[in-house]
Amino acid sequence: MFGWLRAKAHASLVRIQGREMMDWIRRLQSQDGDEVAAILAMAMHYRNSMLSELKMDLMYPFAAIQKDHFLADRLNQDLQEVQQEKLFSLGSAIIVWLFTIRAAQEPVLRSLGRDLWRQLARGFPHVHEAAASLGQISGVTINTNDAGRFPDGFTPDPL
């Protein structure tokens, strides 16, 4: 009995997560490439900070999940903290990785993860200019290493 109830609750949670992802992807679709590039620059900076500080490489989401089974929960907690502090650029960066990790965990969300990165790819050509602008505003050097790559398993059009 409890297994059935747990499965229903999980399916409901995944549906909610899918709707959140679709809404966010729609917002990305309405932005120009240079606007998307600012989100991408912050996402890569966040990824590179995690790699440097925690030795956790979000560009390999399946390996990252194996290293930390509660990674999505930790990212969600980080997101809530930065939203409370009104650090919206950093919040967008965390959302990119939270949705990527969720898509890696839930096969049903995988195509949405690919759609997310399809939209973010529009920022690839503009990411260095966006990082420079963000750096001037914040006084922080934005680390965009690997900004022209897709995370493992999230190439928009897989072969």
Protein backbone atom coordinates (compact mmCIF):
# COMPACT_ATOMS: atom_id res chain seq x y z
CA MET A 1 0.00 0.00 0.00
CA PHE A 2 2.70 2.50 0.94
CA GLY A 3 4.72 1.68 -2.17
CA TRP A 4 1.77 2.65 -4.35
CA LEU A 5 1.25 5.87 -2.41
CA ARG A 6 4.95 6.72 -2.63
CA ALA A 7 4.91 6.10 -6.40
CA LYS A 8 1.87 8.39 -6.83
CA ALA A 9 3.51 11.15 -4.78
CA HIS A 10 6.73 10.81 -6.79
CA ALA A 11 4.85 10.95 -10.10
CA SER A 12 3.04 14.08 -8.94
CA LEU A 13 6.33 15.71 -7.93
CA VAL A 14 7.90 14.89 -11.31
CA ARG A 15 4.87 16.42 -13.10
CA ILE A 16 5.29 19.62 -11.07
CA GLN A 17 9.02 19.70 -11.84
CA GLY A 18 8.27 19.22 -15.53
CA ARG A 19 5.85 22.16 -15.52
CA GLU A 20 8.46 24.33 -13.76
CA MET A 21 11.03 23.39 -16.39
CA MET A 22 8.63 24.06 -19.28
CA ASP A 23 7.75 27.49 -17.89
CA TRP A 24 11.41 28.42 -17.48
CA ILE A 25 12.30 27.16 -20.97
CA ARG A 26 9.46 29.28 -22.41
CA ARG A 27 10.94 32.33 -20.69
CA LEU A 28 14.33 31.54 -22.21
CA GLN A 29 12.71 31.21 -25.65
CA SER A 30 11.46 34.78 -25.39
CA GLN A 31 14.93 36.18 -24.65
CA ASP A 32 17.58 37.24 -27.13
CA GLY A 33 20.85 35.33 -27.37
CA ASP A 34 22.77 37.99 -25.45
CA GLU A 35 20.24 37.83 -22.59
CA VAL A 36 20.53 34.05 -22.52
CA ALA A 37 24.32 34.46 -22.53
CA ALA A 38 24.19 36.31 -19.21
CA ILE A 39 22.37 33.37 -17.64
CA LEU A 40 24.80 30.94 -19.25
CA ALA A 41 27.81 32.94 -18.03
CA MET A 42 26.54 32.85 -14.45
CA ALA A 43 25.66 29.15 -14.75
CA MET A 44 29.17 28.33 -15.91
CA HIS A 45 30.67 30.49 -13.17
CA TYR A 46 28.58 28.58 -10.61
CA ARG A 47 29.64 25.26 -12.17
CA ASN A 48 33.30 26.25 -12.14
CA SER A 49 33.04 27.38 -8.52
CA MET A 50 31.51 24.02 -7.56
CA LEU A 51 34.26 22.23 -9.45
CA SER A 52 36.99 24.27 -7.78
CA GLU A 53 35.61 24.27 -4.25
CA LEU A 54 33.81 20.92 -3.98
CA LYS A 55 35.39 18.89 -6.81
CA MET A 56 31.84 18.42 -8.14
CA ASP A 57 31.61 18.78 -11.93
CA LEU A 58 28.06 19.60 -12.96
CA MET A 59 29.03 19.18 -16.63
CA TYR A 60 28.88 15.44 -15.83
CA PRO A 61 25.48 15.36 -14.13
CA PHE A 62 25.13 11.58 -13.96
CA ALA A 63 28.52 11.25 -12.24
CA ALA A 64 27.68 14.18 -9.95
CA ILE A 65 24.48 12.44 -8.85
CA GLN A 66 26.44 9.28 -8.09
CA LYS A 67 28.85 11.35 -5.99
CA ASP A 68 26.00 13.12 -4.14
CA HIS A 69 22.57 11.49 -4.24
CA PHE A 70 21.05 14.60 -2.63
CA LEU A 71 22.56 17.04 -5.12
CA ALA A 72 19.18 18.28 -6.42
CA ASP A 73 18.06 18.93 -2.84
CA ARG A 74 21.28 20.84 -2.12
CA LEU A 75 20.91 22.93 -5.28
CA ASN A 76 17.29 23.66 -4.39
CA GLN A 77 18.39 24.79 -0.94
CA ASP A 78 21.08 27.03 -2.47
CA LEU A 79 18.44 28.46 -4.81
CA GLN A 80 16.10 29.30 -1.96
CA GLU A 81 18.92 31.03 -0.07
CA VAL A 82 20.01 33.22 -2.99
CA GLN A 83 16.39 34.09 -3.79
CA GLN A 84 15.90 35.28 -0.20
CA GLU A 85 19.00 37.43 -0.62
CA LYS A 86 17.59 38.73 -3.94
CA LEU A 87 20.62 37.51 -5.91
CA PHE A 88 18.54 36.76 -8.99
CA SER A 89 21.44 36.32 -11.45
CA LEU A 90 22.93 33.65 -9.23
CA GLY A 91 19.47 32.15 -8.80
CA SER A 92 19.14 31.74 -12.57
CA ALA A 93 22.54 30.02 -12.63
CA ILE A 94 21.47 27.54 -9.98
CA ILE A 95 18.16 26.88 -11.76
CA VAL A 96 20.10 25.81 -14.87
CA TRP A 97 21.94 23.17 -12.88
CA LEU A 98 18.99 22.17 -10.71
CA PHE A 99 16.93 21.46 -13.83
CA THR A 100 19.86 19.65 -15.47
CA ILE A 101 20.34 17.43 -12.42
CA ARG A 102 16.60 16.74 -12.16
CA ALA A 103 16.55 15.77 -15.84
CA ALA A 104 19.47 13.41 -15.25
CA GLN A 105 17.66 11.81 -12.32
CA GLU A 106 14.28 11.46 -14.02
CA PRO A 107 14.21 9.98 -17.54
CA VAL A 108 10.78 11.57 -18.09
CA LEU A 109 12.42 15.02 -17.77
CA ARG A 110 15.39 14.26 -20.04
CA SER A 111 13.89 15.84 -23.16
CA LEU A 112 13.14 19.01 -21.20
CA GLY A 113 16.77 19.07 -20.08
CA ARG A 114 17.81 18.88 -23.73
CA ASP A 115 15.37 21.69 -24.56
CA LEU A 116 16.86 23.78 -21.76
CA TRP A 117 20.34 23.40 -23.20
CA ARG A 118 19.05 24.04 -26.73
CA GLN A 119 17.93 27.45 -25.51
CA LEU A 120 21.11 28.09 -23.54
CA ALA A 121 23.18 27.27 -26.65
CA ARG A 122 21.84 30.45 -28.23
CA GLY A 123 24.04 32.25 -25.70
CA PHE A 124 27.24 30.40 -26.63
CA PRO A 125 28.41 33.05 -29.15
CA HIS A 126 27.78 35.89 -26.67
CA VAL A 127 28.89 34.36 -23.37
CA HIS A 128 32.30 36.05 -23.12
CA GLU A 129 30.83 39.53 -23.68
CA ALA A 130 28.11 38.77 -21.11
CA ALA A 131 30.73 37.60 -18.61
CA ALA A 132 32.74 40.79 -19.13
CA SER A 133 29.63 42.94 -18.56
CA LEU A 134 28.65 40.98 -15.47
CA GLY A 135 32.21 41.24 -14.20
CA GLN A 136 32.21 45.02 -14.59
CA ILE A 137 28.93 45.30 -12.71
CA SER A 138 29.83 42.89 -9.90
CA GLY A 139 33.58 43.38 -9.64
CA VAL A 140 33.99 39.59 -9.86
CA THR A 141 35.79 37.79 -12.66
CA ILE A 142 33.18 35.47 -14.17
CA ASN A 143 34.72 32.09 -14.99
CA THR A 144 33.16 30.81 -18.22
CA ASN A 145 35.42 27.78 -18.79
CA ASP A 146 33.58 25.18 -20.91
CA ALA A 147 30.79 27.65 -21.77
CA GLY A 148 30.59 26.35 -25.34
CA ARG A 149 29.92 22.75 -24.32
CA PHE A 150 26.84 20.83 -23.35
CA PRO A 151 26.71 18.80 -20.15
CA ASP A 152 27.23 15.09 -20.68
CA GLY A 153 23.95 13.61 -21.94
CA PHE A 154 22.30 16.94 -22.76
CA THR A 155 23.29 17.67 -26.32
CA PRO A 156 20.03 19.06 -27.74
CA ASP A 157 19.97 16.76 -30.76
CA PRO A 158 21.57 13.45 -29.73
CA LEU A 159 23.04 11.21 -32.37
